[in-house]
Amino acid sequence: MHFQNGLLSKRILDDDLAWINKPLRQDIGDAPAELVVRFINMSDFIIRQFHTDDQEDVIELWSKCGLIAPQNNSKRDIERKLKVNPEWFLIGELNGRIIATCMVGYEGHRGWINYLAVLPQYQRQGFATQMIQEAEKILRSAGCPKINLQVRSSNTGVIEFYKAIGFKRDDVVSMGKRLEQDNPSEP
């Protein structure tokens, strides 16, 4: 990725095909979307605090990103987050549309990042990195010395993303114990 005149340009090479260098337009014709160069004015991307009227869009985003697990009730996860540092529930908006989320937490020992998500069509364009940078800024200002996060071991693309931005695998076993059972279908 590189920046030019305030625009982020990302070129994608598909096998041995030539680079395509067209701005994204509605009238792009038959060109496959993965071959189109997208120009996004990064100043149109804002990170703000979650608002309760964001809930449905956020849950839909998480669903599109494969983050909703059968054992979790997303609405209850949001309700719980809003009870503890609600200002640390970050929303990424591009031109007024929610395209990214990140829940940030800190209990005095380690910072945590949960529900980092970017809509698939906006992935690999720098938005997740910006969300992480904002989370790091919040945690640094709270005196947090280290961030922990969990990624499903099958999600190799996300693991590589975190490695690329400086995270390392810890030699630990992640364990959990449910104190409250969620019914995913209940409101």
N, C-alpha and C. Protein backbone atom coordinates (compact mmCIF):
# COMPACT_ATOMS: atom_id res chain seq x y z
N MET A 1 0.84 -1.17 0.00
CA MET A 1 0.00 0.00 0.00
C MET A 1 0.88 1.24 0.00
N HIS A 2 0.40 2.26 -0.64
CA HIS A 2 1.11 3.51 -0.58
C HIS A 2 0.13 4.67 -0.68
N PHE A 3 0.56 5.82 -0.20
CA PHE A 3 -0.26 7.00 -0.19
C PHE A 3 0.23 7.94 -1.28
N GLN A 4 -0.72 8.58 -1.94
CA GLN A 4 -0.38 9.56 -2.96
C GLN A 4 -1.46 10.63 -2.94
N ASN A 5 -1.09 11.87 -2.70
CA ASN A 5 -2.04 12.98 -2.66
C ASN A 5 -3.20 12.72 -1.72
N GLY A 6 -2.93 12.13 -0.54
CA GLY A 6 -3.98 11.88 0.43
C GLY A 6 -4.84 10.68 0.12
N LEU A 7 -4.55 9.97 -0.96
CA LEU A 7 -5.34 8.79 -1.31
C LEU A 7 -4.55 7.54 -1.05
N LEU A 8 -5.22 6.52 -0.57
CA LEU A 8 -4.59 5.23 -0.36
C LEU A 8 -4.82 4.42 -1.62
N SER A 9 -3.76 3.91 -2.19
CA SER A 9 -3.86 3.11 -3.40
C SER A 9 -3.37 1.72 -3.09
N LYS A 10 -4.16 0.74 -3.46
CA LYS A 10 -3.75 -0.64 -3.27
C LYS A 10 -3.89 -1.36 -4.60
N ARG A 11 -2.79 -1.93 -5.05
CA ARG A 11 -2.83 -2.67 -6.30
C ARG A 11 -2.80 -4.15 -6.00
N ILE A 12 -3.61 -4.90 -6.69
CA ILE A 12 -3.71 -6.33 -6.46
C ILE A 12 -3.34 -7.05 -7.75
N LEU A 13 -2.42 -7.97 -7.65
CA LEU A 13 -2.01 -8.74 -8.81
C LEU A 13 -2.68 -10.10 -8.76
N ASP A 14 -3.35 -10.47 -9.82
CA ASP A 14 -4.01 -11.77 -9.90
C ASP A 14 -3.17 -12.66 -10.80
N ASP A 15 -2.47 -13.63 -10.18
CA ASP A 15 -1.58 -14.55 -10.88
C ASP A 15 -0.63 -13.76 -11.77
N ASP A 16 -0.62 -14.05 -13.07
CA ASP A 16 0.33 -13.40 -13.97
C ASP A 16 -0.30 -12.26 -14.77
N LEU A 17 -1.50 -11.82 -14.36
CA LEU A 17 -2.14 -10.74 -15.11
C LEU A 17 -1.46 -9.41 -14.82
N ALA A 18 -1.59 -8.49 -15.73
CA ALA A 18 -0.96 -7.17 -15.56
C ALA A 18 -1.69 -6.39 -14.47
N TRP A 19 -0.98 -5.40 -13.91
CA TRP A 19 -1.60 -4.52 -12.92
C TRP A 19 -2.71 -3.73 -13.60
N ILE A 20 -3.79 -3.59 -12.93
CA ILE A 20 -4.89 -2.78 -13.43
C ILE A 20 -4.87 -1.49 -12.61
N ASN A 21 -4.95 -0.38 -13.26
CA ASN A 21 -4.84 0.89 -12.56
C ASN A 21 -6.01 1.79 -12.94
N LYS A 22 -7.18 1.44 -12.38
CA LYS A 22 -8.38 2.23 -12.63
C LYS A 22 -8.99 2.61 -11.30
N PRO A 23 -9.50 3.83 -11.17
CA PRO A 23 -10.22 4.15 -9.93
C PRO A 23 -11.51 3.35 -9.86
N LEU A 24 -11.97 3.03 -8.66
CA LEU A 24 -13.19 2.27 -8.48
C LEU A 24 -14.38 3.14 -8.87
N ARG A 25 -15.18 2.66 -9.81
CA ARG A 25 -16.37 3.37 -10.27
C ARG A 25 -17.50 2.36 -10.41
N GLN A 26 -18.71 2.86 -10.50
CA GLN A 26 -19.86 1.98 -10.71
C GLN A 26 -19.82 1.39 -12.12
N ASP A 27 -19.25 2.11 -13.09
CA ASP A 27 -19.26 1.68 -14.49
C ASP A 27 -17.97 0.98 -14.89
N ILE A 28 -17.43 0.16 -14.01
CA ILE A 28 -16.14 -0.47 -14.25
C ILE A 28 -16.22 -1.57 -15.31
N GLY A 29 -17.44 -1.94 -15.69
CA GLY A 29 -17.59 -2.94 -16.72
C GLY A 29 -17.45 -4.35 -16.17
N ASP A 30 -16.84 -5.22 -16.95
CA ASP A 30 -16.73 -6.63 -16.57
C ASP A 30 -15.46 -6.96 -15.80
N ALA A 31 -14.66 -5.98 -15.44
CA ALA A 31 -13.42 -6.25 -14.71
C ALA A 31 -13.73 -6.88 -13.36
N PRO A 32 -13.08 -8.00 -13.03
CA PRO A 32 -13.29 -8.62 -11.71
C PRO A 32 -12.91 -7.64 -10.60
N ALA A 33 -13.73 -7.61 -9.56
CA ALA A 33 -13.51 -6.64 -8.46
C ALA A 33 -12.13 -6.78 -7.85
N GLU A 34 -11.59 -8.00 -7.78
CA GLU A 34 -10.28 -8.19 -7.14
C GLU A 34 -9.13 -7.61 -7.96
N LEU A 35 -9.40 -7.23 -9.20
CA LEU A 35 -8.35 -6.66 -10.04
C LEU A 35 -8.39 -5.14 -10.09
N VAL A 36 -9.39 -4.55 -9.52
CA VAL A 36 -9.58 -3.11 -9.61
C VAL A 36 -8.79 -2.43 -8.51
N VAL A 37 -8.10 -1.38 -8.86
CA VAL A 37 -7.38 -0.58 -7.87
C VAL A 37 -8.39 0.36 -7.23
N ARG A 38 -8.40 0.37 -5.92
CA ARG A 38 -9.35 1.22 -5.20
C ARG A 38 -8.61 2.44 -4.65
N PHE A 39 -9.20 3.59 -4.83
CA PHE A 39 -8.66 4.82 -4.27
C PHE A 39 -9.63 5.29 -3.20
N ILE A 40 -9.15 5.36 -1.99
CA ILE A 40 -9.99 5.77 -0.87
C ILE A 40 -9.33 6.95 -0.19
N ASN A 41 -10.08 7.99 -0.04
CA ASN A 41 -9.59 9.15 0.68
C ASN A 41 -9.66 8.81 2.16
N MET A 42 -8.52 8.56 2.79
CA MET A 42 -8.49 8.11 4.17
C MET A 42 -9.02 9.17 5.14
N SER A 43 -9.11 10.41 4.72
CA SER A 43 -9.68 11.42 5.61
C SER A 43 -11.19 11.23 5.77
N ASP A 44 -11.80 10.40 4.93
CA ASP A 44 -13.22 10.10 5.05
C ASP A 44 -13.48 8.99 6.08
N PHE A 45 -12.41 8.39 6.61
CA PHE A 45 -12.53 7.33 7.62
C PHE A 45 -12.39 7.94 9.00
N ILE A 46 -13.41 7.75 9.84
CA ILE A 46 -13.35 8.26 11.20
C ILE A 46 -13.55 7.11 12.19
N ILE A 47 -12.93 7.26 13.35
CA ILE A 47 -13.11 6.29 14.43
C ILE A 47 -13.81 7.04 15.55
N ARG A 48 -14.90 6.46 16.01
CA ARG A 48 -15.72 7.10 17.04
C ARG A 48 -16.19 6.04 18.03
N GLN A 49 -16.86 6.51 19.07
CA GLN A 49 -17.44 5.64 20.08
C GLN A 49 -18.73 5.02 19.56
N PHE A 50 -18.99 3.79 19.96
CA PHE A 50 -20.25 3.10 19.65
C PHE A 50 -21.44 3.87 20.20
N HIS A 51 -22.52 3.93 19.42
CA HIS A 51 -23.80 4.48 19.86
C HIS A 51 -24.82 3.34 19.82
N THR A 52 -25.79 3.36 20.70
CA THR A 52 -26.74 2.24 20.77
C THR A 52 -27.47 1.99 19.45
N ASP A 53 -27.68 3.02 18.65
CA ASP A 53 -28.36 2.80 17.37
C ASP A 53 -27.45 2.15 16.32
N ASP A 54 -26.19 1.88 16.67
CA ASP A 54 -25.27 1.17 15.79
C ASP A 54 -25.44 -0.35 15.88
N GLN A 55 -26.15 -0.82 16.89
CA GLN A 55 -26.13 -2.24 17.23
C GLN A 55 -26.43 -3.18 16.06
N GLU A 56 -27.49 -2.97 15.33
CA GLU A 56 -27.85 -3.89 14.23
C GLU A 56 -26.78 -3.91 13.15
N ASP A 57 -26.25 -2.73 12.79
CA ASP A 57 -25.19 -2.67 11.77
C ASP A 57 -23.93 -3.38 12.25
N VAL A 58 -23.61 -3.24 13.54
CA VAL A 58 -22.43 -3.87 14.09
C VAL A 58 -22.58 -5.40 14.07
N ILE A 59 -23.72 -5.89 14.49
CA ILE A 59 -23.95 -7.34 14.51
C ILE A 59 -23.92 -7.89 13.08
N GLU A 60 -24.47 -7.17 12.13
CA GLU A 60 -24.42 -7.61 10.73
C GLU A 60 -22.96 -7.65 10.23
N LEU A 61 -22.18 -6.63 10.60
CA LEU A 61 -20.75 -6.60 10.23
C LEU A 61 -20.04 -7.82 10.82
N TRP A 62 -20.26 -8.10 12.11
CA TRP A 62 -19.62 -9.26 12.74
C TRP A 62 -20.02 -10.56 12.04
N SER A 63 -21.27 -10.64 11.65
CA SER A 63 -21.74 -11.84 10.94
C SER A 63 -21.02 -12.00 9.60
N LYS A 64 -20.90 -10.91 8.85
CA LYS A 64 -20.22 -10.95 7.56
C LYS A 64 -18.74 -11.30 7.71
N CYS A 65 -18.17 -10.99 8.88
CA CYS A 65 -16.75 -11.28 9.14
C CYS A 65 -16.54 -12.63 9.82
N GLY A 66 -17.60 -13.36 10.08
CA GLY A 66 -17.48 -14.68 10.69
C GLY A 66 -17.11 -14.65 12.16
N LEU A 67 -17.45 -13.57 12.87
CA LEU A 67 -17.07 -13.45 14.27
C LEU A 67 -18.14 -13.93 15.24
N ILE A 68 -19.31 -14.22 14.75
CA ILE A 68 -20.38 -14.64 15.65
C ILE A 68 -20.27 -16.14 15.88
N ALA A 69 -20.09 -16.49 17.15
CA ALA A 69 -19.93 -17.90 17.54
C ALA A 69 -21.23 -18.39 18.17
N PRO A 70 -21.55 -19.67 18.01
CA PRO A 70 -22.81 -20.20 18.53
C PRO A 70 -22.98 -20.02 20.03
N GLN A 71 -21.89 -20.02 20.77
CA GLN A 71 -21.98 -19.91 22.23
C GLN A 71 -22.14 -18.48 22.71
N ASN A 72 -22.07 -17.50 21.81
CA ASN A 72 -22.16 -16.10 22.20
C ASN A 72 -23.44 -15.46 21.70
N ASN A 73 -23.96 -14.55 22.47
CA ASN A 73 -25.09 -13.73 22.08
C ASN A 73 -24.53 -12.32 21.86
N SER A 74 -24.46 -11.91 20.61
CA SER A 74 -23.81 -10.64 20.27
C SER A 74 -24.45 -9.45 20.95
N LYS A 75 -25.78 -9.45 21.06
CA LYS A 75 -26.46 -8.33 21.72
C LYS A 75 -26.05 -8.26 23.19
N ARG A 76 -25.93 -9.40 23.84
CA ARG A 76 -25.51 -9.40 25.24
C ARG A 76 -24.05 -9.00 25.37
N ASP A 77 -23.20 -9.42 24.39
CA ASP A 77 -21.80 -8.97 24.41
C ASP A 77 -21.72 -7.45 24.35
N ILE A 78 -22.55 -6.85 23.52
CA ILE A 78 -22.57 -5.39 23.42
C ILE A 78 -23.07 -4.78 24.73
N GLU A 79 -24.15 -5.32 25.29
CA GLU A 79 -24.67 -4.81 26.56
C GLU A 79 -23.60 -4.86 27.64
N ARG A 80 -22.86 -5.97 27.69
CA ARG A 80 -21.81 -6.10 28.71
C ARG A 80 -20.72 -5.07 28.51
N LYS A 81 -20.32 -4.86 27.26
CA LYS A 81 -19.26 -3.88 26.99
C LYS A 81 -19.71 -2.48 27.38
N LEU A 82 -20.96 -2.18 27.17
CA LEU A 82 -21.45 -0.83 27.49
C LEU A 82 -21.48 -0.56 28.99
N LYS A 83 -21.29 -1.59 29.81
CA LYS A 83 -21.23 -1.41 31.26
C LYS A 83 -19.81 -1.12 31.75
N VAL A 84 -18.80 -1.41 30.90
CA VAL A 84 -17.40 -1.24 31.29
C VAL A 84 -16.67 -0.48 30.18
N ASN A 85 -16.24 0.71 30.48
CA ASN A 85 -15.54 1.56 29.50
C ASN A 85 -16.25 1.58 28.14
N PRO A 86 -17.50 2.03 28.11
CA PRO A 86 -18.23 2.03 26.83
C PRO A 86 -17.54 2.89 25.76
N GLU A 87 -16.79 3.90 26.20
CA GLU A 87 -16.08 4.76 25.24
C GLU A 87 -14.96 4.01 24.53
N TRP A 88 -14.63 2.82 25.00
CA TRP A 88 -13.60 2.00 24.38
C TRP A 88 -14.18 0.99 23.40
N PHE A 89 -15.43 1.13 23.06
CA PHE A 89 -16.04 0.32 22.00
C PHE A 89 -15.99 1.19 20.75
N LEU A 90 -15.04 0.90 19.88
CA LEU A 90 -14.73 1.76 18.74
C LEU A 90 -15.47 1.33 17.47
N ILE A 91 -15.93 2.32 16.75
CA ILE A 91 -16.61 2.13 15.48
C ILE A 91 -15.81 2.87 14.41
N GLY A 92 -15.53 2.19 13.31
CA GLY A 92 -14.88 2.82 12.16
C GLY A 92 -15.92 3.10 11.09
N GLU A 93 -16.01 4.34 10.68
CA GLU A 93 -16.99 4.76 9.67
C GLU A 93 -16.27 5.29 8.44
N LEU A 94 -16.76 4.91 7.28
CA LEU A 94 -16.28 5.46 6.02
C LEU A 94 -17.48 6.08 5.33
N ASN A 95 -17.41 7.39 5.14
CA ASN A 95 -18.51 8.12 4.52
C ASN A 95 -19.85 7.81 5.18
N GLY A 96 -19.86 7.74 6.52
CA GLY A 96 -21.09 7.52 7.26
C GLY A 96 -21.54 6.07 7.38
N ARG A 97 -20.80 5.14 6.80
CA ARG A 97 -21.16 3.72 6.86
C ARG A 97 -20.22 3.00 7.83
N ILE A 98 -20.78 2.19 8.72
CA ILE A 98 -19.96 1.42 9.66
C ILE A 98 -19.27 0.31 8.89
N ILE A 99 -17.92 0.35 8.90
CA ILE A 99 -17.15 -0.69 8.21
C ILE A 99 -16.20 -1.43 9.13
N ALA A 100 -16.07 -0.97 10.39
CA ALA A 100 -15.09 -1.60 11.29
C ALA A 100 -15.52 -1.44 12.75
N THR A 101 -15.07 -2.39 13.57
CA THR A 101 -15.31 -2.33 15.01
C THR A 101 -14.08 -2.81 15.76
N CYS A 102 -14.00 -2.41 17.02
CA CYS A 102 -12.96 -2.92 17.91
C CYS A 102 -13.39 -2.65 19.35
N MET A 103 -13.45 -3.71 20.16
CA MET A 103 -13.71 -3.56 21.59
C MET A 103 -12.37 -3.58 22.30
N VAL A 104 -12.14 -2.59 23.14
CA VAL A 104 -10.88 -2.46 23.86
C VAL A 104 -11.16 -2.62 25.34
N GLY A 105 -10.31 -3.37 26.03
CA GLY A 105 -10.49 -3.56 27.46
C GLY A 105 -9.16 -3.53 28.20
N TYR A 106 -9.25 -3.25 29.50
CA TYR A 106 -8.05 -3.22 30.34
C TYR A 106 -8.50 -3.39 31.78
N GLU A 107 -7.93 -4.38 32.46
CA GLU A 107 -8.31 -4.63 33.85
C GLU A 107 -7.21 -4.26 34.82
N GLY A 108 -6.18 -3.57 34.35
CA GLY A 108 -5.10 -3.13 35.23
C GLY A 108 -3.83 -3.94 35.07
N HIS A 109 -3.91 -5.06 34.38
CA HIS A 109 -2.74 -5.91 34.16
C HIS A 109 -2.42 -6.04 32.67
N ARG A 110 -3.42 -6.38 31.86
CA ARG A 110 -3.25 -6.54 30.42
C ARG A 110 -4.40 -5.89 29.68
N GLY A 111 -4.08 -5.35 28.52
CA GLY A 111 -5.11 -4.83 27.65
C GLY A 111 -5.63 -5.96 26.77
N TRP A 112 -6.85 -5.82 26.35
CA TRP A 112 -7.47 -6.84 25.50
C TRP A 112 -8.13 -6.19 24.30
N ILE A 113 -8.06 -6.87 23.18
CA ILE A 113 -8.76 -6.44 21.97
C ILE A 113 -9.69 -7.57 21.58
N ASN A 114 -10.95 -7.22 21.41
CA ASN A 114 -11.98 -8.17 20.98
C ASN A 114 -12.78 -7.57 19.84
N TYR A 115 -13.36 -8.43 19.07
CA TYR A 115 -14.25 -8.02 17.98
C TYR A 115 -13.62 -6.99 17.04
N LEU A 116 -12.33 -7.15 16.74
CA LEU A 116 -11.75 -6.34 15.67
C LEU A 116 -12.30 -6.92 14.37
N ALA A 117 -13.00 -6.09 13.64
CA ALA A 117 -13.63 -6.56 12.40
C ALA A 117 -13.66 -5.43 11.38
N VAL A 118 -13.46 -5.81 10.12
CA VAL A 118 -13.59 -4.88 9.00
C VAL A 118 -14.40 -5.60 7.93
N LEU A 119 -15.41 -4.93 7.39
CA LEU A 119 -16.20 -5.55 6.33
C LEU A 119 -15.28 -6.13 5.27
N PRO A 120 -15.57 -7.32 4.77
CA PRO A 120 -14.67 -7.98 3.82
C PRO A 120 -14.24 -7.13 2.64
N GLN A 121 -15.14 -6.34 2.08
CA GLN A 121 -14.77 -5.54 0.90
C GLN A 121 -13.82 -4.39 1.23
N TYR A 122 -13.61 -4.12 2.53
CA TYR A 122 -12.69 -3.06 2.94
C TYR A 122 -11.44 -3.61 3.63
N GLN A 123 -11.31 -4.92 3.68
CA GLN A 123 -10.14 -5.50 4.32
C GLN A 123 -8.90 -5.29 3.47
N ARG A 124 -7.74 -5.33 4.12
CA ARG A 124 -6.44 -5.18 3.47
C ARG A 124 -6.26 -3.79 2.84
N GLN A 125 -6.89 -2.79 3.46
CA GLN A 125 -6.76 -1.43 2.98
C GLN A 125 -6.31 -0.47 4.07
N GLY A 126 -5.92 -1.01 5.23
CA GLY A 126 -5.38 -0.18 6.30
C GLY A 126 -6.36 0.16 7.41
N PHE A 127 -7.62 -0.21 7.28
CA PHE A 127 -8.60 0.16 8.30
C PHE A 127 -8.39 -0.59 9.62
N ALA A 128 -8.10 -1.88 9.56
CA ALA A 128 -7.86 -2.63 10.80
C ALA A 128 -6.63 -2.08 11.52
N THR A 129 -5.61 -1.72 10.77
CA THR A 129 -4.41 -1.15 11.37
C THR A 129 -4.74 0.16 12.09
N GLN A 130 -5.57 0.98 11.48
CA GLN A 130 -5.96 2.24 12.13
C GLN A 130 -6.77 1.98 13.40
N MET A 131 -7.63 0.96 13.36
CA MET A 131 -8.41 0.62 14.55
C MET A 131 -7.48 0.15 15.67
N ILE A 132 -6.50 -0.68 15.33
CA ILE A 132 -5.54 -1.16 16.33
C ILE A 132 -4.72 0.01 16.88
N GLN A 133 -4.29 0.91 16.01
CA GLN A 133 -3.52 2.07 16.48
C GLN A 133 -4.32 2.91 17.46
N GLU A 134 -5.60 3.08 17.20
CA GLU A 134 -6.44 3.84 18.13
C GLU A 134 -6.58 3.08 19.45
N ALA A 135 -6.76 1.75 19.38
CA ALA A 135 -6.85 0.94 20.60
C ALA A 135 -5.55 1.04 21.39
N GLU A 136 -4.41 0.97 20.71
CA GLU A 136 -3.12 1.08 21.39
C GLU A 136 -2.97 2.44 22.07
N LYS A 137 -3.43 3.49 21.42
CA LYS A 137 -3.35 4.83 22.00
C LYS A 137 -4.18 4.90 23.30
N ILE A 138 -5.37 4.34 23.27
CA ILE A 138 -6.24 4.31 24.45
C ILE A 138 -5.55 3.53 25.58
N LEU A 139 -5.02 2.36 25.25
CA LEU A 139 -4.40 1.51 26.27
C LEU A 139 -3.12 2.13 26.83
N ARG A 140 -2.31 2.75 25.97
CA ARG A 140 -1.10 3.44 26.47
C ARG A 140 -1.47 4.54 27.45
N SER A 141 -2.52 5.30 27.11
CA SER A 141 -2.91 6.41 27.99
C SER A 141 -3.45 5.90 29.33
N ALA A 142 -3.90 4.65 29.37
CA ALA A 142 -4.38 4.05 30.62
C ALA A 142 -3.25 3.38 31.40
N GLY A 143 -2.03 3.40 30.85
CA GLY A 143 -0.88 2.79 31.52
C GLY A 143 -0.73 1.30 31.26
N CYS A 144 -1.37 0.80 30.24
CA CYS A 144 -1.32 -0.63 29.92
C CYS A 144 0.05 -1.02 29.36
N PRO A 145 0.70 -2.06 29.93
CA PRO A 145 2.03 -2.45 29.46
C PRO A 145 2.01 -3.46 28.30
N LYS A 146 0.90 -4.19 28.10
CA LYS A 146 0.88 -5.25 27.08
C LYS A 146 -0.55 -5.52 26.66
N ILE A 147 -0.72 -5.83 25.37
CA ILE A 147 -2.03 -6.18 24.84
C ILE A 147 -2.08 -7.68 24.58
N ASN A 148 -3.16 -8.30 24.99
CA ASN A 148 -3.45 -9.69 24.65
C ASN A 148 -4.67 -9.72 23.74
N LEU A 149 -4.74 -10.74 22.94
CA LEU A 149 -5.93 -10.97 22.13
C LEU A 149 -5.99 -12.45 21.79
N GLN A 150 -7.14 -12.87 21.36
CA GLN A 150 -7.32 -14.26 20.98
C GLN A 150 -7.82 -14.31 19.55
N VAL A 151 -7.28 -15.27 18.79
CA VAL A 151 -7.68 -15.49 17.41
C VAL A 151 -7.91 -16.98 17.28
N ARG A 152 -8.99 -17.36 16.62
CA ARG A 152 -9.21 -18.78 16.37
C ARG A 152 -8.02 -19.31 15.57
N SER A 153 -7.50 -20.47 15.97
CA SER A 153 -6.30 -21.01 15.33
C SER A 153 -6.50 -21.27 13.84
N SER A 154 -7.73 -21.45 13.40
CA SER A 154 -8.01 -21.69 11.98
C SER A 154 -7.99 -20.40 11.16
N ASN A 155 -7.96 -19.25 11.81
CA ASN A 155 -8.02 -17.97 11.12
C ASN A 155 -6.60 -17.47 10.80
N THR A 156 -5.95 -18.17 9.91
CA THR A 156 -4.53 -17.91 9.62
C THR A 156 -4.29 -16.52 9.02
N GLY A 157 -5.22 -16.02 8.23
CA GLY A 157 -5.05 -14.69 7.65
C GLY A 157 -4.99 -13.61 8.71
N VAL A 158 -5.82 -13.72 9.72
CA VAL A 158 -5.82 -12.74 10.79
C VAL A 158 -4.57 -12.89 11.65
N ILE A 159 -4.14 -14.12 11.87
CA ILE A 159 -2.89 -14.34 12.62
C ILE A 159 -1.73 -13.66 11.90
N GLU A 160 -1.66 -13.79 10.60
CA GLU A 160 -0.59 -13.14 9.83
C GLU A 160 -0.71 -11.62 9.90
N PHE A 161 -1.93 -11.09 9.89
CA PHE A 161 -2.12 -9.64 10.04
C PHE A 161 -1.52 -9.17 11.36
N TYR A 162 -1.87 -9.85 12.45
CA TYR A 162 -1.35 -9.43 13.76
C TYR A 162 0.17 -9.54 13.82
N LYS A 163 0.73 -10.58 13.24
CA LYS A 163 2.20 -10.69 13.21
C LYS A 163 2.80 -9.52 12.46
N ALA A 164 2.18 -9.13 11.35
CA ALA A 164 2.71 -8.05 10.52
C ALA A 164 2.71 -6.70 11.25
N ILE A 165 1.84 -6.54 12.24
CA ILE A 165 1.79 -5.26 12.96
C ILE A 165 2.43 -5.36 14.34
N GLY A 166 3.23 -6.42 14.55
CA GLY A 166 4.07 -6.48 15.75
C GLY A 166 3.63 -7.41 16.86
N PHE A 167 2.52 -8.11 16.70
CA PHE A 167 2.11 -9.06 17.73
C PHE A 167 2.88 -10.35 17.57
N LYS A 168 3.12 -11.02 18.68
CA LYS A 168 3.84 -12.29 18.67
C LYS A 168 3.00 -13.33 19.40
N ARG A 169 3.18 -14.57 18.99
CA ARG A 169 2.50 -15.68 19.66
C ARG A 169 3.11 -15.88 21.04
N ASP A 170 2.27 -15.91 22.06
CA ASP A 170 2.73 -16.21 23.42
C ASP A 170 2.64 -17.72 23.63
N ASP A 171 3.57 -18.25 24.39
CA ASP A 171 3.57 -19.69 24.68
C ASP A 171 2.66 -19.95 25.88
N VAL A 172 1.36 -19.82 25.64
CA VAL A 172 0.36 -20.01 26.69
C VAL A 172 -0.79 -20.83 26.13
N VAL A 173 -1.59 -21.35 27.01
CA VAL A 173 -2.81 -22.03 26.64
C VAL A 173 -3.96 -21.12 27.05
N SER A 174 -4.81 -20.82 26.12
CA SER A 174 -5.97 -19.99 26.43
C SER A 174 -7.07 -20.90 26.99
N MET A 175 -7.58 -20.53 28.15
CA MET A 175 -8.63 -21.32 28.78
C MET A 175 -9.78 -20.38 29.12
N GLY A 176 -10.97 -20.93 29.21
CA GLY A 176 -12.12 -20.14 29.56
C GLY A 176 -13.10 -20.94 30.39
N LYS A 177 -13.89 -20.24 31.15
CA LYS A 177 -14.94 -20.87 31.95
C LYS A 177 -16.14 -19.94 31.90
N ARG A 178 -17.24 -20.43 31.42
CA ARG A 178 -18.46 -19.63 31.33
C ARG A 178 -19.05 -19.45 32.71
N LEU A 179 -19.28 -18.20 33.08
CA LEU A 179 -19.95 -17.88 34.34
C LEU A 179 -21.44 -17.64 34.10
N GLU A 180 -21.78 -17.39 32.84
CA GLU A 180 -23.14 -17.11 32.45
C GLU A 180 -23.34 -17.73 31.07
N GLN A 181 -24.36 -18.53 30.90
CA GLN A 181 -24.62 -19.15 29.60
C GLN A 181 -25.42 -18.19 28.72
N ASP A 182 -24.95 -18.00 27.50
CA ASP A 182 -25.67 -17.17 26.55
C ASP A 182 -26.52 -18.06 25.66
N ASN A 183 -27.70 -17.61 25.38
CA ASN A 183 -28.52 -18.25 24.37
C ASN A 183 -28.47 -17.33 23.17
N PRO A 184 -27.80 -17.74 22.09
CA PRO A 184 -27.63 -16.84 20.95
C PRO A 184 -28.93 -16.32 20.36
N SER A 185 -30.02 -17.06 20.53
CA SER A 185 -31.27 -16.64 19.91
C SER A 185 -32.10 -15.70 20.76
N GLU A 186 -31.77 -15.57 22.05
CA GLU A 186 -32.56 -14.65 22.88
C GLU A 186 -32.04 -13.23 22.72
N PRO A 187 -32.95 -12.26 22.83
CA PRO A 187 -32.56 -10.85 22.60
C PRO A 187 -31.63 -10.31 23.65
